[in-house]
Amino acid sequence: MAPRRPCNKQCARDQLANDPERSYITPRDCFIRHVNNRVGWGPIPGTGCAHYVAHELTIAGGNRKDKRCLDKLAITTGQVARHYPEERTGTKLSILHKVRENDVWAKLNADGESGHCGYVKNVTPGRKPTIEIEHLSSSAKAVKPDTYGVGIKGGKFYGPEQTPTNWKANCNPTDPNRKYEFHKVDNAKGDCQIDEIKCVVYFKSKAEAQSYGYDPCENCMEGESTR
């Protein structure tokens, strides 16, 4: 019997396309790698959720060929989570006030690499924002949106560092005197104590801060507070 020829790139793509458990992976043509000279090319192991996010947000993979797809983009949940410098932290509610479109959501396993992930497709502002996460679901075998806290729970959000703006808010809902209050930085007064705010969220405008349920500070925006 003649020895089996190593699988070429198209052979690997066909393997993935004909696998009923993994044919849903998208994009699919680049989700292959060179295994070794004997085997040739084959599909990349895994469910492809990180690979989908990497293509949507253009997140580069590792320097080694086994750490990236054929398009040189990320293939693990850990790579996707580490792409952004800031983990959104704070209370459960204040974290949601910091989340923005195109942030990464990830639920990492103990190894720090595997897990499940998606990205923030849409944020509807409010005191309790509605966050829609788009992800490649292995159970649904399709790309699907889910609302955080309903279809998707737990995990963490990662995104770019907050850029300081002229609208600085106290997002600590346990602060009895100043919770859900925001300030106009260039008009801040001594009583504003903006440097002492520990749970900070910045907004692009006064209107955006108010859309999240924050009230203007009565010191730096005198007469505008509704309290």
C-alpha atoms as a PDB file:
ATOM      1  CA  MET A   1       0.000   0.000   0.000  1.00  0.00           C
ATOM      2  CA  ALA A   2       1.321   3.394  -0.968  1.00  0.00           C
ATOM      3  CA  PRO A   3       2.032   5.701   1.966  1.00  0.00           C
ATOM      4  CA  ARG A   4      -0.596   8.311   2.629  1.00  0.00           C
ATOM      5  CA  ARG A   5       0.290  11.737   1.321  1.00  0.00           C
ATOM      6  CA  PRO A   6       0.442  14.611   3.797  1.00  0.00           C
ATOM      7  CA  CYS A   7      -2.721  16.712   3.851  1.00  0.00           C
ATOM      8  CA  ASN A   8      -2.426  20.021   1.994  1.00  0.00           C
ATOM      9  CA  LYS A   9      -4.226  23.251   2.894  1.00  0.00           C
ATOM     10  CA  GLN A  10      -7.363  22.452   0.892  1.00  0.00           C
ATOM     11  CA  CYS A  11      -7.475  18.987   2.404  1.00  0.00           C
ATOM     12  CA  ALA A  12      -7.427  20.554   5.892  1.00  0.00           C
ATOM     13  CA  ARG A  13     -10.202  22.987   4.930  1.00  0.00           C
ATOM     14  CA  ASP A  14     -12.288  20.092   3.632  1.00  0.00           C
ATOM     15  CA  GLN A  15     -11.788  18.194   6.893  1.00  0.00           C
ATOM     16  CA  LEU A  16     -13.161  21.153   8.834  1.00  0.00           C
ATOM     17  CA  ALA A  17     -16.051  21.771   6.443  1.00  0.00           C
ATOM     18  CA  ASN A  18     -17.104  18.118   6.583  1.00  0.00           C
ATOM     19  CA  ASP A  19     -16.901  17.797  10.366  1.00  0.00           C
ATOM     20  CA  PRO A  20     -20.526  18.060  11.608  1.00  0.00           C
ATOM     21  CA  GLU A  21     -19.335  19.177  15.046  1.00  0.00           C
ATOM     22  CA  ARG A  22     -17.077  21.975  13.775  1.00  0.00           C
ATOM     23  CA  SER A  23     -18.313  23.031  10.337  1.00  0.00           C
ATOM     24  CA  TYR A  24     -19.992  26.079  11.929  1.00  0.00           C
ATOM     25  CA  ILE A  25     -16.616  27.708  12.675  1.00  0.00           C
ATOM     26  CA  THR A  26     -16.289  31.063  10.967  1.00  0.00           C
ATOM     27  CA  PRO A  27     -14.224  32.263   9.240  1.00  0.00           C
ATOM     28  CA  ARG A  28     -13.156  28.771   8.302  1.00  0.00           C
ATOM     29  CA  ASP A  29     -10.593  28.905   5.484  1.00  0.00           C
ATOM     30  CA  CYS A  30      -7.821  30.281   7.706  1.00  0.00           C
ATOM     31  CA  PHE A  31      -8.585  28.071  10.755  1.00  0.00           C
ATOM     32  CA  ILE A  32      -5.905  25.573   9.759  1.00  0.00           C
ATOM     33  CA  ARG A  33      -2.255  25.011  10.609  1.00  0.00           C
ATOM     34  CA  HIS A  34       0.727  22.909   9.575  1.00  0.00           C
ATOM     35  CA  VAL A  35       0.912  19.985  11.997  1.00  0.00           C
ATOM     36  CA  ASN A  36       4.130  18.301  10.850  1.00  0.00           C
ATOM     37  CA  ASN A  37       5.726  16.980   7.676  1.00  0.00           C
ATOM     38  CA  ARG A  38       4.133  13.544   8.030  1.00  0.00           C
ATOM     39  CA  VAL A  39       0.570  14.720   8.655  1.00  0.00           C
ATOM     40  CA  GLY A  40       0.789  17.945   6.703  1.00  0.00           C
ATOM     41  CA  TRP A  41      -1.981  20.477   7.318  1.00  0.00           C
ATOM     42  CA  GLY A  42      -4.977  20.085   9.624  1.00  0.00           C
ATOM     43  CA  PRO A  43      -7.738  22.079  11.347  1.00  0.00           C
ATOM     44  CA  ILE A  44      -6.774  24.107  14.435  1.00  0.00           C
ATOM     45  CA  PRO A  45      -8.129  22.439  17.610  1.00  0.00           C
ATOM     46  CA  GLY A  46     -10.861  24.228  19.543  1.00  0.00           C
ATOM     47  CA  THR A  47     -14.309  25.735  19.085  1.00  0.00           C
ATOM     48  CA  GLY A  48     -13.204  28.860  17.220  1.00  0.00           C
ATOM     49  CA  CYS A  49     -14.901  31.452  19.450  1.00  0.00           C
ATOM     50  CA  ALA A  50     -11.660  33.385  20.032  1.00  0.00           C
ATOM     51  CA  HIS A  51     -10.779  33.161  16.363  1.00  0.00           C
ATOM     52  CA  TYR A  52     -14.146  34.711  15.464  1.00  0.00           C
ATOM     53  CA  VAL A  53     -13.599  37.624  17.882  1.00  0.00           C
ATOM     54  CA  ALA A  54     -10.039  38.077  16.611  1.00  0.00           C
ATOM     55  CA  HIS A  55     -11.323  38.550  13.068  1.00  0.00           C
ATOM     56  CA  GLU A  56     -14.104  40.928  14.143  1.00  0.00           C
ATOM     57  CA  LEU A  57     -11.695  43.122  16.157  1.00  0.00           C
ATOM     58  CA  THR A  58      -8.445  42.395  14.264  1.00  0.00           C
ATOM     59  CA  ILE A  59      -6.534  40.886  17.189  1.00  0.00           C
ATOM     60  CA  ALA A  60      -3.114  39.521  16.257  1.00  0.00           C
ATOM     61  CA  GLY A  61      -2.019  36.024  17.242  1.00  0.00           C
ATOM     62  CA  GLY A  62       1.303  34.917  18.667  1.00  0.00           C
ATOM     63  CA  ASN A  63       4.673  34.913  16.926  1.00  0.00           C
ATOM     64  CA  ARG A  64       4.692  31.122  16.659  1.00  0.00           C
ATOM     65  CA  LYS A  65       2.656  29.577  13.873  1.00  0.00           C
ATOM     66  CA  ASP A  66       0.862  27.258  16.299  1.00  0.00           C
ATOM     67  CA  LYS A  67      -0.440  30.335  18.164  1.00  0.00           C
ATOM     68  CA  ARG A  68      -2.265  31.936  15.243  1.00  0.00           C
ATOM     69  CA  CYS A  69      -4.491  31.212  12.282  1.00  0.00           C
ATOM     70  CA  LEU A  70      -3.346  31.356   8.670  1.00  0.00           C
ATOM     71  CA  ASP A  71      -4.233  35.082   8.663  1.00  0.00           C
ATOM     72  CA  LYS A  72      -1.931  35.552  11.702  1.00  0.00           C
ATOM     73  CA  LEU A  73      -4.813  36.359  14.068  1.00  0.00           C
ATOM     74  CA  ALA A  74      -5.496  35.070  17.601  1.00  0.00           C
ATOM     75  CA  ILE A  75      -6.919  31.611  18.223  1.00  0.00           C
ATOM     76  CA  THR A  76      -7.233  31.363  22.044  1.00  0.00           C
ATOM     77  CA  THR A  77      -9.483  33.096  24.547  1.00  0.00           C
ATOM     78  CA  GLY A  78      -6.421  34.126  26.571  1.00  0.00           C
ATOM     79  CA  GLN A  79      -4.888  35.897  23.574  1.00  0.00           C
ATOM     80  CA  VAL A  80      -8.117  37.798  22.972  1.00  0.00           C
ATOM     81  CA  ALA A  81      -8.485  38.828  26.639  1.00  0.00           C
ATOM     82  CA  ARG A  82      -4.880  40.022  26.855  1.00  0.00           C
ATOM     83  CA  HIS A  83      -5.225  42.168  23.741  1.00  0.00           C
ATOM     84  CA  TYR A  84      -6.658  45.054  25.766  1.00  0.00           C
ATOM     85  CA  PRO A  85      -4.711  46.672  28.622  1.00  0.00           C
ATOM     86  CA  GLU A  86      -7.599  47.182  31.026  1.00  0.00           C
ATOM     87  CA  GLU A  87      -9.830  44.728  32.819  1.00  0.00           C
ATOM     88  CA  ARG A  88     -13.086  46.468  33.730  1.00  0.00           C
ATOM     89  CA  THR A  89     -13.183  46.383  37.532  1.00  0.00           C
ATOM     90  CA  GLY A  90     -15.451  47.616  40.306  1.00  0.00           C
ATOM     91  CA  THR A  91     -18.799  46.542  41.678  1.00  0.00           C
ATOM     92  CA  LYS A  92     -21.032  44.393  39.479  1.00  0.00           C
ATOM     93  CA  LEU A  93     -23.045  47.413  38.375  1.00  0.00           C
ATOM     94  CA  SER A  94     -20.198  49.899  38.031  1.00  0.00           C
ATOM     95  CA  ILE A  95     -18.360  47.512  35.703  1.00  0.00           C
ATOM     96  CA  LEU A  96     -21.310  47.640  33.335  1.00  0.00           C
ATOM     97  CA  HIS A  97     -21.070  51.445  33.279  1.00  0.00           C
ATOM     98  CA  LYS A  98     -17.486  51.168  32.009  1.00  0.00           C
ATOM     99  CA  VAL A  99     -18.178  48.641  29.244  1.00  0.00           C
ATOM    100  CA  ARG A 100     -18.191  50.025  25.710  1.00  0.00           C
ATOM    101  CA  GLU A 101     -18.839  48.653  22.233  1.00  0.00           C
ATOM    102  CA  ASN A 102     -16.043  46.390  20.947  1.00  0.00           C
ATOM    103  CA  ASP A 103     -14.840  45.506  24.434  1.00  0.00           C
ATOM    104  CA  VAL A 104     -13.988  41.817  24.840  1.00  0.00           C
ATOM    105  CA  TRP A 105     -15.983  39.550  27.146  1.00  0.00           C
ATOM    106  CA  ALA A 106     -14.160  36.395  28.245  1.00  0.00           C
ATOM    107  CA  LYS A 107     -14.655  33.556  30.701  1.00  0.00           C
ATOM    108  CA  LEU A 108     -11.227  31.989  31.090  1.00  0.00           C
ATOM    109  CA  ASN A 109     -10.482  28.512  32.352  1.00  0.00           C
ATOM    110  CA  ALA A 110      -7.809  27.860  34.991  1.00  0.00           C
ATOM    111  CA  ASP A 111      -5.078  27.502  32.356  1.00  0.00           C
ATOM    112  CA  GLY A 112      -5.544  31.155  31.351  1.00  0.00           C
ATOM    113  CA  GLU A 113      -5.786  30.292  27.649  1.00  0.00           C
ATOM    114  CA  SER A 114      -8.902  28.231  26.977  1.00  0.00           C
ATOM    115  CA  GLY A 115     -12.482  29.263  27.723  1.00  0.00           C
ATOM    116  CA  HIS A 116     -15.234  31.117  25.940  1.00  0.00           C
ATOM    117  CA  CYS A 117     -15.357  34.675  24.642  1.00  0.00           C
ATOM    118  CA  GLY A 118     -17.263  37.190  22.571  1.00  0.00           C
ATOM    119  CA  TYR A 119     -17.260  40.920  21.996  1.00  0.00           C
ATOM    120  CA  VAL A 120     -19.623  43.743  22.923  1.00  0.00           C
ATOM    121  CA  LYS A 121     -21.800  44.419  19.909  1.00  0.00           C
ATOM    122  CA  ASN A 122     -24.070  47.019  21.475  1.00  0.00           C
ATOM    123  CA  VAL A 123     -24.602  48.902  24.741  1.00  0.00           C
ATOM    124  CA  THR A 124     -27.953  50.448  25.645  1.00  0.00           C
ATOM    125  CA  PRO A 125     -27.267  53.075  28.357  1.00  0.00           C
ATOM    126  CA  GLY A 126     -29.198  53.227  31.619  1.00  0.00           C
ATOM    127  CA  ARG A 127     -28.728  52.891  35.362  1.00  0.00           C
ATOM    128  CA  LYS A 128     -28.476  49.177  34.553  1.00  0.00           C
ATOM    129  CA  PRO A 129     -27.129  49.092  30.976  1.00  0.00           C
ATOM    130  CA  THR A 130     -28.159  46.364  28.552  1.00  0.00           C
ATOM    131  CA  ILE A 131     -25.057  44.809  27.022  1.00  0.00           C
ATOM    132  CA  GLU A 132     -25.330  42.649  23.920  1.00  0.00           C
ATOM    133  CA  ILE A 133     -22.484  40.221  23.331  1.00  0.00           C
ATOM    134  CA  GLU A 134     -21.929  38.547  19.986  1.00  0.00           C
ATOM    135  CA  HIS A 135     -20.152  35.189  20.142  1.00  0.00           C
ATOM    136  CA  LEU A 136     -19.574  32.006  18.201  1.00  0.00           C
ATOM    137  CA  SER A 137     -21.612  29.440  20.108  1.00  0.00           C
ATOM    138  CA  SER A 138     -20.580  25.788  19.961  1.00  0.00           C
ATOM    139  CA  SER A 139     -23.952  24.712  21.376  1.00  0.00           C
ATOM    140  CA  ALA A 140     -25.964  26.711  18.827  1.00  0.00           C
ATOM    141  CA  LYS A 141     -23.309  26.031  16.165  1.00  0.00           C
ATOM    142  CA  ALA A 142     -23.663  29.608  14.942  1.00  0.00           C
ATOM    143  CA  VAL A 143     -22.765  33.216  15.606  1.00  0.00           C
ATOM    144  CA  LYS A 144     -25.394  34.572  17.962  1.00  0.00           C
ATOM    145  CA  PRO A 145     -26.115  37.608  20.153  1.00  0.00           C
ATOM    146  CA  ASP A 146     -26.856  37.206  23.854  1.00  0.00           C
ATOM    147  CA  THR A 147     -27.670  39.720  26.567  1.00  0.00           C
ATOM    148  CA  TYR A 148     -25.160  39.793  29.397  1.00  0.00           C
ATOM    149  CA  GLY A 149     -26.765  38.532  32.590  1.00  0.00           C
ATOM    150  CA  VAL A 150     -29.368  36.538  30.645  1.00  0.00           C
ATOM    151  CA  GLY A 151     -27.899  34.323  27.926  1.00  0.00           C
ATOM    152  CA  ILE A 152     -24.328  34.977  29.049  1.00  0.00           C
ATOM    153  CA  LYS A 153     -23.279  35.231  32.687  1.00  0.00           C
ATOM    154  CA  GLY A 154     -20.040  35.626  34.619  1.00  0.00           C
ATOM    155  CA  GLY A 155     -16.713  36.193  32.966  1.00  0.00           C
ATOM    156  CA  LYS A 156     -14.918  39.532  32.696  1.00  0.00           C
ATOM    157  CA  PHE A 157     -14.758  42.483  30.328  1.00  0.00           C
ATOM    158  CA  TYR A 158     -11.560  43.851  28.802  1.00  0.00           C
ATOM    159  CA  GLY A 159     -11.079  47.028  26.811  1.00  0.00           C
ATOM    160  CA  PRO A 160      -8.905  50.053  26.092  1.00  0.00           C
ATOM    161  CA  GLU A 161      -7.867  52.183  29.048  1.00  0.00           C
ATOM    162  CA  GLN A 162     -10.413  54.861  29.898  1.00  0.00           C
ATOM    163  CA  THR A 163      -9.457  58.218  28.404  1.00  0.00           C
ATOM    164  CA  PRO A 164      -9.959  61.064  30.909  1.00  0.00           C
ATOM    165  CA  THR A 165     -12.574  63.531  29.720  1.00  0.00           C
ATOM    166  CA  ASN A 166     -14.267  66.635  31.105  1.00  0.00           C
ATOM    167  CA  TRP A 167     -17.094  64.492  32.516  1.00  0.00           C
ATOM    168  CA  LYS A 168     -15.956  62.396  35.475  1.00  0.00           C
ATOM    169  CA  ALA A 169     -18.419  60.276  37.428  1.00  0.00           C
ATOM    170  CA  ASN A 170     -18.462  58.434  40.734  1.00  0.00           C
ATOM    171  CA  CYS A 171     -19.683  54.947  39.820  1.00  0.00           C
ATOM    172  CA  ASN A 172     -19.648  53.556  43.353  1.00  0.00           C
ATOM    173  CA  PRO A 173     -23.325  52.890  44.170  1.00  0.00           C
ATOM    174  CA  THR A 174     -22.467  52.232  47.832  1.00  0.00           C
ATOM    175  CA  ASP A 175     -21.297  55.818  48.421  1.00  0.00           C
ATOM    176  CA  PRO A 176     -24.338  57.221  50.304  1.00  0.00           C
ATOM    177  CA  ASN A 177     -23.631  60.893  49.613  1.00  0.00           C
ATOM    178  CA  ARG A 178     -22.309  60.995  46.064  1.00  0.00           C
ATOM    179  CA  LYS A 179     -23.465  57.870  44.269  1.00  0.00           C
ATOM    180  CA  TYR A 180     -24.378  58.289  40.607  1.00  0.00           C
ATOM    181  CA  GLU A 181     -22.986  61.828  40.548  1.00  0.00           C
ATOM    182  CA  PHE A 182     -20.836  63.298  37.781  1.00  0.00           C
ATOM    183  CA  HIS A 183     -18.646  66.375  37.584  1.00  0.00           C
ATOM    184  CA  LYS A 184     -17.527  68.939  35.035  1.00  0.00           C
ATOM    185  CA  VAL A 185     -13.771  68.697  35.555  1.00  0.00           C
ATOM    186  CA  ASP A 186     -12.811  72.126  34.205  1.00  0.00           C
ATOM    187  CA  ASN A 187     -15.258  73.776  36.614  1.00  0.00           C
ATOM    188  CA  ALA A 188     -14.648  71.563  39.646  1.00  0.00           C
ATOM    189  CA  LYS A 189     -14.839  73.173  43.085  1.00  0.00           C
ATOM    190  CA  GLY A 190     -13.096  72.155  46.279  1.00  0.00           C
ATOM    191  CA  ASP A 191     -16.233  70.472  47.584  1.00  0.00           C
ATOM    192  CA  CYS A 192     -16.358  68.257  44.483  1.00  0.00           C
ATOM    193  CA  GLN A 193     -13.323  66.306  45.719  1.00  0.00           C
ATOM    194  CA  ILE A 194     -12.940  64.723  42.278  1.00  0.00           C
ATOM    195  CA  ASP A 195      -9.430  63.460  43.059  1.00  0.00           C
ATOM    196  CA  GLU A 196     -10.872  61.309  45.842  1.00  0.00           C
ATOM    197  CA  ILE A 197     -13.253  59.385  43.595  1.00  0.00           C
ATOM    198  CA  LYS A 198     -12.097  55.767  43.694  1.00  0.00           C
ATOM    199  CA  CYS A 199     -14.607  54.215  41.278  1.00  0.00           C
ATOM    200  CA  VAL A 200     -14.261  56.384  38.178  1.00  0.00           C
ATOM    201  CA  VAL A 201     -16.044  56.254  34.842  1.00  0.00           C
ATOM    202  CA  TYR A 202     -15.526  58.908  32.171  1.00  0.00           C
ATOM    203  CA  PHE A 203     -18.204  59.999  29.714  1.00  0.00           C
ATOM    204  CA  LYS A 204     -17.889  61.782  26.387  1.00  0.00           C
ATOM    205  CA  SER A 205     -20.571  64.325  27.214  1.00  0.00           C
ATOM    206  CA  LYS A 206     -23.023  65.511  29.837  1.00  0.00           C
ATOM    207  CA  ALA A 207     -25.820  63.879  27.869  1.00  0.00           C
ATOM    208  CA  GLU A 208     -24.044  60.514  27.893  1.00  0.00           C
ATOM    209  CA  ALA A 209     -23.527  60.684  31.670  1.00  0.00           C
ATOM    210  CA  GLN A 210     -27.203  61.475  32.179  1.00  0.00           C
ATOM    211  CA  SER A 211     -28.229  58.619  29.867  1.00  0.00           C
ATOM    212  CA  TYR A 212     -26.584  56.243  32.380  1.00  0.00           C
ATOM    213  CA  GLY A 213     -28.632  57.735  35.220  1.00  0.00           C
ATOM    214  CA  TYR A 214     -25.965  60.039  36.697  1.00  0.00           C
ATOM    215  CA  ASP A 215     -26.943  63.368  38.237  1.00  0.00           C
ATOM    216  CA  PRO A 216     -24.958  66.626  37.761  1.00  0.00           C
ATOM    217  CA  CYS A 217     -22.931  67.691  40.791  1.00  0.00           C
ATOM    218  CA  GLU A 218     -24.578  70.625  42.544  1.00  0.00           C
ATOM    219  CA  ASN A 219     -21.177  72.270  43.111  1.00  0.00           C
ATOM    220  CA  CYS A 220     -19.607  72.360  39.639  1.00  0.00           C
ATOM    221  CA  MET A 221     -22.923  72.402  37.763  1.00  0.00           C
ATOM    222  CA  GLU A 222     -24.931  74.602  40.108  1.00  0.00           C
ATOM    223  CA  GLY A 223     -28.634  74.593  39.447  1.00  0.00           C
ATOM    224  CA  GLU A 224     -28.565  71.497  37.210  1.00  0.00           C
ATOM    225  CA  SER A 225     -28.820  68.815  39.874  1.00  0.00           C
ATOM    226  CA  THR A 226     -32.217  67.144  40.169  1.00  0.00           C
ATOM    227  CA  ARG A 227     -31.629  65.982  43.752  1.00  0.00           C
END
